[in-house]
Amino acid sequence: PAAASPSPAPAVTDEAAAPSSAAGDTETPSAPPSGAITLTAIERALLPGAVRVTLTLDQEVAYREERLTGPERVFFDLRGVEAAAHLKDAHLRYERDVVREIRTGRHPDHTRVVLDLEGVTRYSVFTLYNPFRLVVEAERTEAAATAATARVLTAPPVIAPAPAATEAAPDAPAADADGNFSLARQLGLGISRIVIDPGHGGRDPGARAHGVNEAELVLDVSLRLEKLLLKEPGLDVVLTRRTDTYVPLQERTAIANREGADLFLSVHANAARNAQARGIETYYLSFASNPEAEAVAARENAASESTMHNLPDIVKAIALNNKLDESRDFAAMVQESLVTRLRRVNQDVRNLGVKKAPFVVLIGAGMPSVLAEISFLTHRQEAALLKTPAYRQHIAEALHQAVMRYRRSLKSTVQTAEP
């Protein structure tokens, strides 16, 4: 997972500062190891309900995060990272909103980034790739949101010329996570049909632990999600299975292609030999980004009926994945929505981030496609929550929110799928 295992925080007065020696002089950080990862940029953006801070690095990194009080702040220890010259010991100050200062500090084996918070209810963290980015979204309290709105309302009005036509034009699509407009957004493509894929089933029960069966769990969550999505105008929903039946992995994406789906969401539950492993992670199709992703892919692909003869075609299909950018954006929204929603009822939810792996169930899909690992069945506390209908409903609502957010990011105009 993206988050490193917790370790005691360095005992320093200012989180971003390097530790001091007994004589009171500043200790000189040891030289970074050869090939050290570089923190290349820190960006801050104001969103309607939150402030987003993006840390850009030239490689994937393990990190530790912790929130502290007195004063309110959250810090991230980036293992084996050295900040670029313009970010070393930086103090980035801003005049307004809930993240008013961002500080960096050097330590012998890591760089620490501290976000000073004010008026933050909660925050979420997720990762993006190409390049690797650690994204933090700090949500405003109601009072902070009101103040932010007031600042906008009291700003001098801008008088624009009256439009020439009386008919309202459709809203333009939002840029993707890279700030660019993908081909799908350039062409004005929307979402009208989604295929939901409850993982496993039949002779492939998936993971089983603490009295929870993965195949049964994800089917229940998928049926709940279907009910929510069918209430949305202009949206059609197809499930790859509705009962405890076996569907080959390759057939699942074949169903999506035959049905003319615009989006493919595969729902799974995680498992690990380490009984302490817990949290949520979301995958899109690419080559595995780390050993943990490799292990998850190996487990979920165990039911594949392909042989080594198919390896060249599979590698080619992954390498030529022409929907990668949209899949990555959708995965980020799924991950963020799951973590934010479930944290309301389970404060111990761990955000394992957005990852990439060669899942067979995603290969061949002609539309943006992601695989969500909603929790770990092998973690006793998470398994206990997953047994409850209320927690399953929260998961379904989070997935519904992610689908609708992604749909709106493409275009606001409602389209209707052909029967």
Protein backbone atom coordinates (compact mmCIF):
# COMPACT_ATOMS: atom_id res chain seq x y z
CA PRO A 1 0.00 0.00 0.00
CA ALA A 2 0.99 3.64 -0.49
CA ALA A 3 0.96 4.38 3.22
CA ALA A 4 3.96 3.10 5.14
CA SER A 5 3.59 1.32 8.46
CA PRO A 6 3.39 3.79 11.36
CA SER A 7 6.56 4.71 13.22
CA PRO A 8 7.11 7.19 16.05
CA ALA A 9 7.23 10.81 14.90
CA PRO A 10 10.54 12.65 15.44
CA ALA A 11 10.43 14.66 18.67
CA VAL A 12 10.70 18.21 17.28
CA THR A 13 8.98 21.42 18.28
CA ASP A 14 8.29 22.51 14.69
CA GLU A 15 7.23 19.49 12.62
CA ALA A 16 8.84 20.78 9.44
CA ALA A 17 12.19 21.59 11.03
CA ALA A 18 15.15 19.26 11.18
CA PRO A 19 15.99 17.88 14.67
CA SER A 20 18.54 19.76 16.77
CA SER A 21 21.62 18.37 18.49
CA ALA A 22 22.22 18.54 22.25
CA ALA A 23 24.41 21.63 21.78
CA GLY A 24 21.51 23.47 20.15
CA ASP A 25 23.02 23.67 16.65
CA THR A 26 20.97 22.52 13.71
CA GLU A 27 21.91 19.01 12.69
CA THR A 28 23.03 18.69 9.10
CA PRO A 29 20.85 16.12 7.31
CA SER A 30 22.71 13.16 5.90
CA ALA A 31 23.11 13.06 2.15
CA PRO A 32 20.18 11.42 0.37
CA PRO A 33 20.83 7.96 -1.02
CA SER A 34 21.82 7.61 -4.64
CA GLY A 35 18.72 7.80 -6.82
CA ALA A 36 16.69 9.55 -4.12
CA ILE A 37 13.11 10.46 -4.96
CA THR A 38 12.52 14.18 -5.51
CA LEU A 39 9.60 16.30 -4.36
CA THR A 40 9.29 18.49 -7.46
CA ALA A 41 6.21 20.64 -6.81
CA ILE A 42 3.61 21.67 -4.24
CA GLU A 43 0.36 23.11 -5.55
CA ARG A 44 -2.71 24.45 -3.75
CA ALA A 45 -6.14 24.80 -5.37
CA LEU A 46 -9.50 26.06 -4.04
CA LEU A 47 -12.43 23.71 -4.68
CA PRO A 48 -16.14 24.33 -3.95
CA GLY A 49 -16.08 22.43 -0.65
CA ALA A 50 -12.40 21.97 0.09
CA VAL A 51 -8.81 23.04 -0.47
CA ARG A 52 -6.68 20.63 -2.49
CA VAL A 53 -2.92 20.35 -1.98
CA THR A 54 -0.97 18.27 -4.50
CA LEU A 55 2.56 17.00 -3.83
CA THR A 56 4.26 15.94 -7.07
CA LEU A 57 7.20 13.50 -7.00
CA ASP A 58 9.27 11.89 -9.70
CA GLN A 59 8.66 8.37 -8.36
CA GLU A 60 6.13 6.52 -6.22
CA VAL A 61 6.91 6.92 -2.52
CA ALA A 62 5.99 5.33 0.80
CA TYR A 63 4.68 7.84 3.30
CA ARG A 64 3.35 8.22 6.84
CA GLU A 65 0.67 10.73 7.77
CA GLU A 66 -0.56 12.02 11.11
CA ARG A 67 -2.97 14.73 12.24
CA LEU A 68 -2.10 16.77 15.34
CA THR A 69 -3.82 19.43 17.41
CA GLY A 70 -2.64 22.56 19.22
CA PRO A 71 -2.36 24.00 16.60
CA GLU A 72 -4.24 21.99 14.00
CA ARG A 73 -1.98 20.49 11.37
CA VAL A 74 -1.33 17.33 9.41
CA PHE A 75 2.10 16.15 8.36
CA PHE A 76 3.42 13.66 5.82
CA ASP A 77 6.77 11.91 6.15
CA LEU A 78 7.98 11.03 2.65
CA ARG A 79 10.49 8.19 2.92
CA GLY A 80 13.73 8.54 0.94
CA VAL A 81 12.62 11.86 -0.54
CA GLU A 82 14.63 15.03 -1.08
CA ALA A 83 12.83 18.27 -1.89
CA ALA A 84 13.83 20.19 -5.01
CA ALA A 85 16.03 23.22 -4.33
CA HIS A 86 13.14 25.72 -4.36
CA LEU A 87 11.17 23.60 -1.85
CA LYS A 88 13.86 22.89 0.74
CA ASP A 89 12.82 24.31 4.14
CA ALA A 90 10.02 26.13 2.35
CA HIS A 91 7.31 28.18 4.10
CA LEU A 92 4.45 28.71 1.65
CA ARG A 93 1.93 31.18 3.09
CA TYR A 94 -1.54 31.98 1.78
CA GLU A 95 -3.88 34.83 2.70
CA ARG A 96 -7.10 32.88 3.07
CA ASP A 97 -8.96 29.58 3.40
CA VAL A 98 -8.41 26.47 5.50
CA VAL A 99 -4.83 25.58 4.45
CA ARG A 100 -2.94 28.81 5.08
CA GLU A 101 0.61 27.54 5.33
CA ILE A 102 2.59 24.61 3.94
CA ARG A 103 6.05 23.87 5.33
CA THR A 104 8.78 21.43 4.37
CA GLY A 105 11.67 20.17 6.46
CA ARG A 106 14.69 17.91 5.99
CA HIS A 107 15.34 14.82 8.09
CA PRO A 108 18.07 12.16 7.72
CA ASP A 109 15.88 9.63 5.90
CA HIS A 110 12.81 11.57 4.82
CA THR A 111 11.28 14.93 3.97
CA ARG A 112 8.40 16.16 6.10
CA VAL A 113 5.59 18.27 4.65
CA VAL A 114 3.30 20.03 7.14
CA LEU A 115 -0.08 21.55 6.32
CA ASP A 116 -1.34 24.09 8.89
CA LEU A 117 -5.12 23.78 9.07
CA GLU A 118 -7.90 26.12 10.20
CA GLY A 119 -11.60 25.29 10.00
CA VAL A 120 -11.16 21.77 8.61
CA THR A 121 -13.77 19.09 9.37
CA ARG A 122 -11.89 16.20 7.79
CA TYR A 123 -9.36 15.53 5.08
CA SER A 124 -8.82 12.75 2.57
CA VAL A 125 -5.67 11.53 0.84
CA PHE A 126 -5.33 9.71 -2.45
CA THR A 127 -2.61 9.08 -5.00
CA LEU A 128 -2.35 9.61 -8.75
CA TYR A 129 0.23 8.43 -11.24
CA ASN A 130 2.18 9.62 -14.29
CA PRO A 131 3.64 11.54 -12.53
CA PHE A 132 3.16 10.24 -9.01
CA ARG A 133 1.16 12.70 -6.88
CA LEU A 134 0.00 12.67 -3.29
CA VAL A 135 -3.28 14.61 -3.19
CA VAL A 136 -4.72 16.00 0.06
CA GLU A 137 -8.22 17.49 0.17
CA ALA A 138 -9.09 19.42 3.35
CA GLU A 139 -12.85 19.93 3.75
CA ARG A 140 -14.09 23.22 5.18
CA THR A 141 -16.30 23.44 8.26
CA GLU A 142 -19.70 25.03 7.73
CA ALA A 143 -18.42 28.33 9.16
CA ALA A 144 -15.33 28.29 6.95
CA ALA A 145 -17.43 27.50 3.89
CA THR A 146 -19.76 30.41 4.72
CA ALA A 147 -16.79 32.74 5.07
CA ALA A 148 -15.37 31.56 1.74
CA THR A 149 -18.74 32.16 0.08
CA ALA A 150 -19.00 35.60 1.67
CA ARG A 151 -15.65 36.59 0.20
CA VAL A 152 -16.92 35.68 -3.24
CA LEU A 153 -20.24 37.54 -2.74
CA THR A 154 -18.53 40.73 -1.55
CA ALA A 155 -16.07 40.79 -4.45
CA PRO A 156 -16.63 43.57 -7.02
CA PRO A 157 -19.18 42.45 -9.60
CA VAL A 158 -18.00 41.66 -13.10
CA ILE A 159 -20.39 42.94 -15.76
CA ALA A 160 -20.42 40.71 -18.80
CA PRO A 161 -22.09 41.43 -22.13
CA ALA A 162 -25.48 39.83 -22.64
CA PRO A 163 -25.37 36.56 -24.62
CA ALA A 164 -26.40 36.79 -28.24
CA ALA A 165 -28.62 33.71 -28.01
CA THR A 166 -31.39 33.05 -25.51
CA GLU A 167 -30.84 29.27 -25.47
CA ALA A 168 -28.45 28.13 -22.71
CA ALA A 169 -25.34 26.32 -23.88
CA PRO A 170 -24.40 23.00 -22.23
CA ASP A 171 -21.73 23.13 -19.55
CA ALA A 172 -18.21 22.41 -20.74
CA PRO A 173 -16.52 19.31 -19.28
CA ALA A 174 -14.07 19.72 -16.45
CA ALA A 175 -10.38 19.13 -17.02
CA ASP A 176 -8.98 15.81 -15.85
CA ALA A 177 -6.65 15.34 -12.85
CA ASP A 178 -3.69 16.53 -14.94
CA GLY A 179 -5.50 19.74 -15.87
CA ASN A 180 -5.86 18.52 -19.46
CA PHE A 181 -8.80 17.59 -21.66
CA SER A 182 -8.67 13.97 -22.76
CA LEU A 183 -9.99 12.89 -26.14
CA ALA A 184 -13.25 11.80 -24.48
CA ARG A 185 -13.70 15.31 -23.06
CA GLN A 186 -12.69 16.97 -26.32
CA LEU A 187 -15.35 14.94 -28.13
CA GLY A 188 -18.02 15.77 -25.55
CA LEU A 189 -18.64 12.13 -24.62
CA GLY A 190 -20.89 11.36 -21.66
CA ILE A 191 -22.05 8.44 -19.49
CA SER A 192 -25.41 6.78 -20.09
CA ARG A 193 -24.79 3.09 -19.33
CA ILE A 194 -22.65 1.56 -16.60
CA VAL A 195 -21.81 -2.11 -16.06
CA ILE A 196 -21.35 -3.13 -12.43
CA ASP A 197 -19.32 -6.28 -11.95
CA PRO A 198 -19.75 -8.08 -8.60
CA GLY A 199 -16.49 -10.05 -8.34
CA HIS A 200 -16.26 -13.84 -8.11
CA GLY A 201 -19.39 -16.02 -7.64
CA GLY A 202 -20.42 -19.66 -7.98
CA ARG A 203 -17.44 -22.02 -7.86
CA ASP A 204 -15.20 -18.98 -7.27
CA PRO A 205 -16.25 -17.64 -3.83
CA GLY A 206 -13.33 -15.22 -3.58
CA ALA A 207 -11.89 -14.40 -0.18
CA ARG A 208 -13.51 -15.84 2.95
CA ALA A 209 -12.69 -14.81 6.50
CA HIS A 210 -14.41 -14.06 9.81
CA GLY A 211 -17.73 -15.33 8.52
CA VAL A 212 -17.80 -13.10 5.43
CA ASN A 213 -17.87 -14.43 1.86
CA GLU A 214 -16.51 -12.01 -0.76
CA ALA A 215 -18.80 -13.19 -3.56
CA GLU A 216 -21.93 -12.68 -1.42
CA LEU A 217 -20.74 -9.36 -0.01
CA VAL A 218 -19.91 -7.67 -3.32
CA LEU A 219 -23.13 -8.91 -4.94
CA ASP A 220 -25.15 -7.35 -2.13
CA VAL A 221 -23.24 -4.05 -2.44
CA SER A 222 -23.66 -4.09 -6.25
CA LEU A 223 -27.42 -4.64 -6.04
CA ARG A 224 -27.67 -1.75 -3.57
CA LEU A 225 -25.63 0.42 -5.93
CA GLU A 226 -27.86 -0.52 -8.86
CA LYS A 227 -30.96 0.69 -6.99
CA LEU A 228 -29.32 4.05 -6.35
CA LEU A 229 -28.12 4.50 -9.93
CA LEU A 230 -31.47 3.57 -11.48
CA LYS A 231 -32.98 6.61 -9.74
CA GLU A 232 -30.75 8.87 -11.85
CA PRO A 233 -32.35 10.16 -15.06
CA GLY A 234 -30.84 8.94 -18.29
CA LEU A 235 -28.68 6.27 -16.67
CA ASP A 236 -28.94 2.57 -17.52
CA VAL A 237 -27.35 -0.15 -15.35
CA VAL A 238 -26.24 -3.68 -16.25
CA LEU A 239 -24.88 -6.29 -13.78
CA THR A 240 -22.55 -9.07 -14.89
CA ARG A 241 -24.29 -11.38 -12.41
CA ARG A 242 -27.36 -11.14 -10.17
CA THR A 243 -27.06 -14.46 -8.35
CA ASP A 244 -24.31 -16.65 -6.93
CA THR A 245 -23.19 -17.84 -10.36
CA TYR A 246 -19.75 -18.17 -11.93
CA VAL A 247 -18.86 -15.77 -14.74
CA PRO A 248 -15.38 -16.09 -16.34
CA LEU A 249 -13.19 -13.02 -15.97
CA GLN A 250 -12.93 -12.41 -19.73
CA GLU A 251 -16.71 -12.72 -20.11
CA ARG A 252 -17.30 -9.85 -17.68
CA THR A 253 -15.65 -7.24 -19.90
CA ALA A 254 -17.18 -8.95 -22.94
CA ILE A 255 -20.60 -8.25 -21.40
CA ALA A 256 -19.66 -4.60 -20.96
CA ASN A 257 -18.53 -4.36 -24.59
CA ARG A 258 -21.66 -6.11 -25.92
CA GLU A 259 -23.92 -3.87 -23.86
CA GLY A 260 -22.21 -0.74 -25.15
CA ALA A 261 -21.25 0.36 -21.66
CA ASP A 262 -19.68 3.76 -21.05
CA LEU A 263 -18.22 2.79 -17.66
CA PHE A 264 -17.16 -0.46 -15.99
CA LEU A 265 -16.89 -0.86 -12.20
CA SER A 266 -15.71 -4.15 -10.68
CA VAL A 267 -16.42 -4.51 -6.96
CA HIS A 268 -14.18 -6.69 -4.76
CA ALA A 269 -13.10 -7.16 -1.16
CA ASN A 270 -9.46 -7.51 -0.18
CA ALA A 271 -7.53 -10.18 1.75
CA ALA A 272 -3.99 -10.48 3.10
CA ARG A 273 -1.86 -12.90 5.09
CA ASN A 274 -1.14 -10.04 7.48
CA ALA A 275 -4.22 -9.93 9.72
CA GLN A 276 -3.50 -6.28 10.50
CA ALA A 277 -3.77 -5.18 6.85
CA ARG A 278 -6.79 -2.93 6.42
CA GLY A 279 -8.15 -0.11 4.29
CA ILE A 280 -9.45 0.76 0.85
CA GLU A 281 -7.68 0.84 -2.49
CA THR A 282 -8.83 1.31 -6.08
CA TYR A 283 -7.10 0.02 -9.22
CA TYR A 284 -7.04 0.87 -12.89
CA LEU A 285 -5.49 -1.21 -15.65
CA SER A 286 -1.74 -0.98 -16.13
CA PHE A 287 1.34 -2.88 -15.08
CA ALA A 288 1.64 -3.34 -11.31
CA SER A 289 3.21 -0.38 -9.52
CA ASN A 290 4.57 -2.26 -6.46
CA PRO A 291 4.79 -5.76 -4.90
CA GLU A 292 1.52 -5.31 -3.00
CA ALA A 293 -0.33 -4.53 -6.24
CA GLU A 294 1.28 -7.59 -7.83
CA ALA A 295 -0.01 -9.79 -4.98
CA VAL A 296 -3.57 -8.43 -5.23
CA ALA A 297 -3.58 -8.92 -9.01
CA ALA A 298 -2.33 -12.50 -8.62
CA ARG A 299 -5.13 -13.31 -6.17
CA GLU A 300 -7.92 -11.69 -8.18
CA ASN A 301 -6.68 -13.22 -11.46
CA ALA A 302 -6.50 -16.76 -10.05
CA ALA A 303 -9.74 -17.71 -11.83
CA SER A 304 -8.48 -16.61 -15.27
CA GLU A 305 -8.79 -19.24 -18.00
CA SER A 306 -6.00 -17.75 -20.15
CA THR A 307 -2.78 -19.66 -20.80
CA MET A 308 0.83 -18.56 -21.36
CA HIS A 309 0.04 -18.58 -25.09
CA ASN A 310 -2.09 -15.48 -24.48
CA LEU A 311 0.67 -13.53 -22.70
CA PRO A 312 1.87 -11.46 -25.71
CA ASP A 313 -1.68 -10.36 -26.55
CA ILE A 314 -2.39 -9.50 -22.90
CA VAL A 315 0.79 -7.42 -22.60
CA LYS A 316 -0.08 -5.61 -25.83
CA ALA A 317 -3.63 -4.89 -24.59
CA ILE A 318 -2.29 -3.35 -21.37
CA ALA A 319 0.43 -1.34 -23.09
CA LEU A 320 -2.03 0.05 -25.65
CA ASN A 321 -4.67 0.88 -23.08
CA ASN A 322 -6.23 3.97 -24.70
CA LYS A 323 -8.58 4.78 -21.82
CA LEU A 324 -5.92 4.97 -19.11
CA ASP A 325 -6.35 8.67 -18.28
CA GLU A 326 -10.13 8.43 -17.84
CA SER A 327 -9.82 5.19 -15.86
CA ARG A 328 -7.26 6.83 -13.58
CA ASP A 329 -9.55 9.83 -12.97
CA PHE A 330 -12.54 7.59 -12.25
CA ALA A 331 -10.42 5.47 -9.88
CA ALA A 332 -9.37 8.61 -7.97
CA MET A 333 -13.01 9.63 -7.53
CA VAL A 334 -14.01 6.13 -6.37
CA GLN A 335 -11.15 6.03 -3.86
CA GLU A 336 -11.83 9.50 -2.49
CA SER A 337 -15.57 8.90 -2.20
CA LEU A 338 -15.16 5.56 -0.39
CA VAL A 339 -12.65 6.91 2.11
CA THR A 340 -14.56 10.13 2.81
CA ARG A 341 -17.95 8.45 3.18
CA LEU A 342 -16.81 5.50 5.30
CA ARG A 343 -14.72 7.71 7.58
CA ARG A 344 -17.98 9.21 8.84
CA VAL A 345 -18.92 5.89 10.43
CA ASN A 346 -15.47 4.32 10.80
CA GLN A 347 -12.72 6.74 11.77
CA ASP A 348 -10.09 4.00 11.44
CA VAL A 349 -10.52 3.69 7.67
CA ARG A 350 -7.11 3.62 6.04
CA ASN A 351 -6.60 5.21 2.62
CA LEU A 352 -4.32 2.93 0.60
CA GLY A 353 -4.63 5.09 -2.50
CA VAL A 354 -5.14 4.64 -6.23
CA LYS A 355 -2.96 1.96 -7.80
CA LYS A 356 -2.41 0.22 -11.10
CA ALA A 357 -2.25 -3.50 -11.80
CA PRO A 358 -2.90 -5.94 -14.69
CA PHE A 359 -6.33 -7.24 -13.65
CA VAL A 360 -7.67 -9.67 -16.24
CA VAL A 361 -11.22 -8.49 -15.55
CA LEU A 362 -10.26 -5.00 -16.81
CA ILE A 363 -8.36 -6.14 -19.93
CA GLY A 364 -10.33 -5.70 -23.12
CA ALA A 365 -12.91 -3.29 -21.73
CA GLY A 366 -13.60 -0.62 -24.34
CA MET A 367 -14.53 1.98 -21.76
CA PRO A 368 -13.00 3.52 -18.60
CA SER A 369 -12.81 0.72 -16.06
CA VAL A 370 -11.69 0.35 -12.46
CA LEU A 371 -11.61 -2.27 -9.72
CA ALA A 372 -12.47 -1.22 -6.14
CA GLU A 373 -11.23 -3.21 -3.13
CA ILE A 374 -13.77 -1.97 -0.59
CA SER A 375 -12.16 -3.36 2.61
CA PHE A 376 -10.16 -6.31 3.99
CA LEU A 377 -12.15 -9.39 4.96
CA THR A 378 -9.08 -10.68 6.79
CA HIS A 379 -9.12 -7.73 9.22
CA ARG A 380 -11.41 -8.64 12.11
CA GLN A 381 -12.86 -5.16 12.70
CA GLU A 382 -13.46 -4.45 9.02
CA ALA A 383 -15.07 -7.87 8.54
CA ALA A 384 -17.43 -7.16 11.46
CA LEU A 385 -18.52 -3.91 9.81
CA LEU A 386 -18.96 -5.58 6.42
CA LYS A 387 -21.44 -8.02 7.95
CA THR A 388 -23.86 -5.16 8.69
CA PRO A 389 -26.41 -3.96 6.10
CA ALA A 390 -25.81 -0.35 7.18
CA TYR A 391 -22.10 -0.43 6.32
CA ARG A 392 -22.79 -2.11 2.99
CA GLN A 393 -25.27 0.65 2.21
CA HIS A 394 -22.64 3.28 3.02
CA ILE A 395 -20.29 1.60 0.52
CA ALA A 396 -23.00 1.56 -2.16
CA GLU A 397 -23.76 5.23 -1.54
CA ALA A 398 -20.06 6.12 -1.81
CA LEU A 399 -19.78 4.28 -5.14
CA HIS A 400 -22.94 5.98 -6.39
CA GLN A 401 -21.49 9.36 -5.46
CA ALA A 402 -18.26 8.57 -7.34
CA VAL A 403 -20.11 7.48 -10.50
CA MET A 404 -22.23 10.64 -10.52
CA ARG A 405 -19.23 12.87 -9.84
CA TYR A 406 -17.32 11.31 -12.73
CA ARG A 407 -20.37 11.62 -14.98
CA ARG A 408 -20.70 15.32 -14.16
CA SER A 409 -16.99 15.87 -14.76
CA LEU A 410 -17.48 14.81 -18.39
CA LYS A 411 -20.63 16.82 -19.13
CA SER A 412 -23.79 17.89 -17.35
CA THR A 413 -26.12 17.13 -20.26
CA VAL A 414 -28.20 14.00 -19.60
CA GLN A 415 -27.98 11.33 -22.28
CA THR A 416 -30.16 8.26 -22.62
CA ALA A 417 -28.75 4.86 -23.56
CA GLU A 418 -30.19 3.00 -26.52
CA PRO A 419 -32.27 -0.02 -25.42
